[in-house]
N, C-alpha and C. Protein backbone atom coordinates (compact mmCIF):
# COMPACT_ATOMS: atom_id res chain seq x y z
N UNK A 1 60.55 -9.52 109.01
CA UNK A 1 61.64 -8.64 109.38
C UNK A 1 62.58 -8.53 108.18
N UNK A 2 62.96 -7.33 107.86
CA UNK A 2 63.82 -7.14 106.71
C UNK A 2 65.26 -7.54 107.03
N UNK A 3 66.05 -7.65 106.00
CA UNK A 3 67.44 -8.09 106.15
C UNK A 3 68.24 -7.10 106.99
N UNK A 4 68.02 -5.83 106.82
CA UNK A 4 68.78 -4.82 107.58
C UNK A 4 68.43 -4.87 109.07
N UNK A 5 67.18 -5.17 109.39
CA UNK A 5 66.80 -5.28 110.80
C UNK A 5 67.42 -6.51 111.44
N UNK A 6 67.47 -7.62 110.70
CA UNK A 6 68.10 -8.85 111.21
C UNK A 6 69.58 -8.61 111.47
N UNK A 7 70.22 -7.91 110.53
CA UNK A 7 71.64 -7.60 110.70
C UNK A 7 71.86 -6.71 111.91
N UNK A 8 71.01 -5.71 112.09
CA UNK A 8 71.13 -4.82 113.24
C UNK A 8 70.95 -5.58 114.55
N UNK A 9 69.95 -6.47 114.62
CA UNK A 9 69.71 -7.24 115.84
C UNK A 9 70.89 -8.16 116.12
N UNK A 10 71.43 -8.79 115.09
CA UNK A 10 72.58 -9.68 115.27
C UNK A 10 73.80 -8.91 115.78
N UNK A 11 74.06 -7.75 115.19
CA UNK A 11 75.20 -6.94 115.65
C UNK A 11 74.98 -6.42 117.07
N UNK A 12 73.75 -6.06 117.41
CA UNK A 12 73.45 -5.58 118.77
C UNK A 12 73.68 -6.70 119.78
N UNK A 13 73.25 -7.93 119.45
CA UNK A 13 73.47 -9.07 120.35
C UNK A 13 74.95 -9.33 120.53
N UNK A 14 75.71 -9.31 119.43
CA UNK A 14 77.16 -9.52 119.53
C UNK A 14 77.82 -8.41 120.36
N UNK A 15 77.35 -7.18 120.20
CA UNK A 15 77.90 -6.07 120.96
C UNK A 15 77.67 -6.27 122.45
N UNK A 16 76.45 -6.65 122.84
CA UNK A 16 76.15 -6.82 124.26
C UNK A 16 76.87 -8.04 124.84
N UNK A 17 77.06 -9.08 124.06
CA UNK A 17 77.84 -10.23 124.53
C UNK A 17 79.29 -9.81 124.76
N UNK A 18 79.85 -9.06 123.81
CA UNK A 18 81.22 -8.56 123.97
C UNK A 18 81.36 -7.63 125.16
N UNK A 19 80.39 -6.77 125.35
CA UNK A 19 80.41 -5.85 126.49
C UNK A 19 80.33 -6.61 127.81
N UNK A 20 79.51 -7.65 127.85
CA UNK A 20 79.42 -8.47 129.06
C UNK A 20 80.72 -9.19 129.34
N UNK A 21 81.36 -9.72 128.29
CA UNK A 21 82.63 -10.42 128.47
C UNK A 21 83.72 -9.48 128.98
N UNK A 22 83.79 -8.29 128.39
CA UNK A 22 84.81 -7.31 128.83
C UNK A 22 84.56 -6.89 130.27
N UNK A 23 83.31 -6.68 130.62
CA UNK A 23 82.98 -6.29 132.00
C UNK A 23 83.37 -7.38 132.99
N UNK A 24 83.08 -8.63 132.64
CA UNK A 24 83.45 -9.75 133.51
C UNK A 24 84.97 -9.86 133.63
N UNK A 25 85.68 -9.70 132.54
CA UNK A 25 87.14 -9.81 132.55
C UNK A 25 87.76 -8.73 133.43
N UNK A 26 87.30 -7.51 133.30
CA UNK A 26 87.84 -6.42 134.11
C UNK A 26 87.52 -6.65 135.58
N UNK A 27 86.30 -7.07 135.88
CA UNK A 27 85.93 -7.26 137.29
C UNK A 27 86.65 -8.44 137.92
N UNK A 28 87.03 -9.43 137.14
CA UNK A 28 87.75 -10.56 137.72
C UNK A 28 89.22 -10.24 137.99
N UNK A 29 89.75 -9.24 137.33
CA UNK A 29 91.16 -8.87 137.53
C UNK A 29 91.36 -7.84 138.63
N UNK A 30 90.31 -7.21 139.09
CA UNK A 30 90.44 -6.20 140.13
C UNK A 30 89.91 -6.74 141.46
N UNK A 31 90.33 -6.12 142.54
CA UNK A 31 89.86 -6.53 143.86
C UNK A 31 89.01 -5.42 144.46
N UNK A 32 88.11 -5.81 145.31
CA UNK A 32 87.25 -4.86 145.99
C UNK A 32 88.11 -4.05 146.96
N UNK A 33 88.01 -2.72 146.96
CA UNK A 33 88.87 -1.91 147.82
C UNK A 33 88.73 -2.22 149.31
N UNK A 34 87.57 -2.65 149.74
CA UNK A 34 87.38 -2.97 151.15
C UNK A 34 88.04 -4.25 151.58
N UNK A 35 88.47 -5.08 150.62
CA UNK A 35 89.10 -6.35 150.98
C UNK A 35 90.59 -6.20 151.27
N UNK A 36 91.16 -5.07 150.90
CA UNK A 36 92.58 -4.84 151.17
C UNK A 36 92.76 -4.30 152.58
N UNK A 37 93.88 -4.63 153.24
CA UNK A 37 94.16 -4.01 154.53
C UNK A 37 94.43 -2.52 154.34
N UNK A 38 94.28 -1.78 155.38
CA UNK A 38 94.47 -0.34 155.30
C UNK A 38 95.93 0.00 155.02
N UNK A 39 96.17 1.22 154.58
CA UNK A 39 97.49 1.64 154.14
C UNK A 39 98.55 1.50 155.23
N UNK A 40 98.23 1.91 156.46
CA UNK A 40 99.21 1.83 157.55
C UNK A 40 99.61 0.38 157.81
N UNK A 41 98.64 -0.53 157.78
CA UNK A 41 98.94 -1.93 158.02
C UNK A 41 99.79 -2.52 156.90
N UNK A 42 99.53 -2.10 155.65
CA UNK A 42 100.34 -2.59 154.53
C UNK A 42 101.77 -2.07 154.63
N UNK A 43 101.94 -0.82 155.02
CA UNK A 43 103.29 -0.25 155.15
C UNK A 43 104.05 -0.95 156.26
N UNK A 44 103.39 -1.21 157.38
CA UNK A 44 104.05 -1.91 158.48
C UNK A 44 104.51 -3.30 158.05
N UNK A 45 103.66 -4.03 157.37
CA UNK A 45 104.01 -5.39 157.00
C UNK A 45 105.09 -5.43 155.93
N UNK A 46 105.19 -4.40 155.10
CA UNK A 46 106.17 -4.41 154.02
C UNK A 46 107.53 -3.88 154.44
N UNK A 47 107.57 -2.84 155.26
CA UNK A 47 108.82 -2.14 155.50
C UNK A 47 109.38 -2.26 156.91
N UNK A 48 108.60 -2.67 157.86
CA UNK A 48 109.10 -2.79 159.23
C UNK A 48 109.22 -4.28 159.55
N UNK A 49 110.44 -4.70 159.83
CA UNK A 49 110.63 -6.11 160.17
C UNK A 49 110.16 -6.35 161.60
N UNK A 50 109.66 -7.53 161.91
CA UNK A 50 109.11 -7.79 163.24
C UNK A 50 110.14 -7.71 164.36
N UNK A 51 111.41 -7.97 164.08
CA UNK A 51 112.40 -7.94 165.15
C UNK A 51 113.01 -6.56 165.36
N UNK A 52 112.69 -5.59 164.51
CA UNK A 52 113.30 -4.27 164.67
C UNK A 52 112.79 -3.54 165.90
N UNK A 53 111.60 -3.87 166.35
CA UNK A 53 111.06 -3.23 167.55
C UNK A 53 111.71 -3.82 168.80
N UNK A 54 112.03 -5.08 168.77
CA UNK A 54 112.62 -5.74 169.94
C UNK A 54 114.07 -5.31 170.17
N UNK A 55 114.77 -4.96 169.11
CA UNK A 55 116.17 -4.61 169.22
C UNK A 55 116.31 -3.18 169.73
N UNK A 56 117.10 -2.98 170.74
CA UNK A 56 117.33 -1.66 171.31
C UNK A 56 118.70 -1.19 170.89
N UNK A 57 118.76 -0.17 170.04
CA UNK A 57 120.04 0.28 169.54
C UNK A 57 120.80 1.14 170.56
N UNK A 58 120.13 1.64 171.57
CA UNK A 58 120.77 2.48 172.57
C UNK A 58 121.32 1.69 173.75
N UNK A 59 120.95 0.46 173.86
CA UNK A 59 121.39 -0.36 174.97
C UNK A 59 122.90 -0.64 174.84
N UNK A 60 123.61 -0.38 175.93
CA UNK A 60 125.06 -0.59 175.91
C UNK A 60 125.36 -2.06 176.16
N UNK A 61 125.93 -2.71 175.17
CA UNK A 61 126.27 -4.12 175.34
C UNK A 61 127.76 -4.29 175.62
N UNK A 62 128.55 -3.29 175.26
CA UNK A 62 130.00 -3.38 175.49
C UNK A 62 130.39 -2.47 176.64
N UNK A 63 131.26 -2.95 177.51
CA UNK A 63 131.72 -2.13 178.64
C UNK A 63 133.19 -1.93 178.61
């Protein structure tokens, strides 16, 4: 094998190792979309407090 072919094979191996590392890094930082709760459930848990439904603002407490 000539020197240029050895250099090409070495660079190709390094390229594929780098590509594999980048792919693994990106996939470890992201989550599968199906593992997240649906949008309505996320909005309810973030913006609606659990006691706001129990409280009745129209109920007359003062007479």
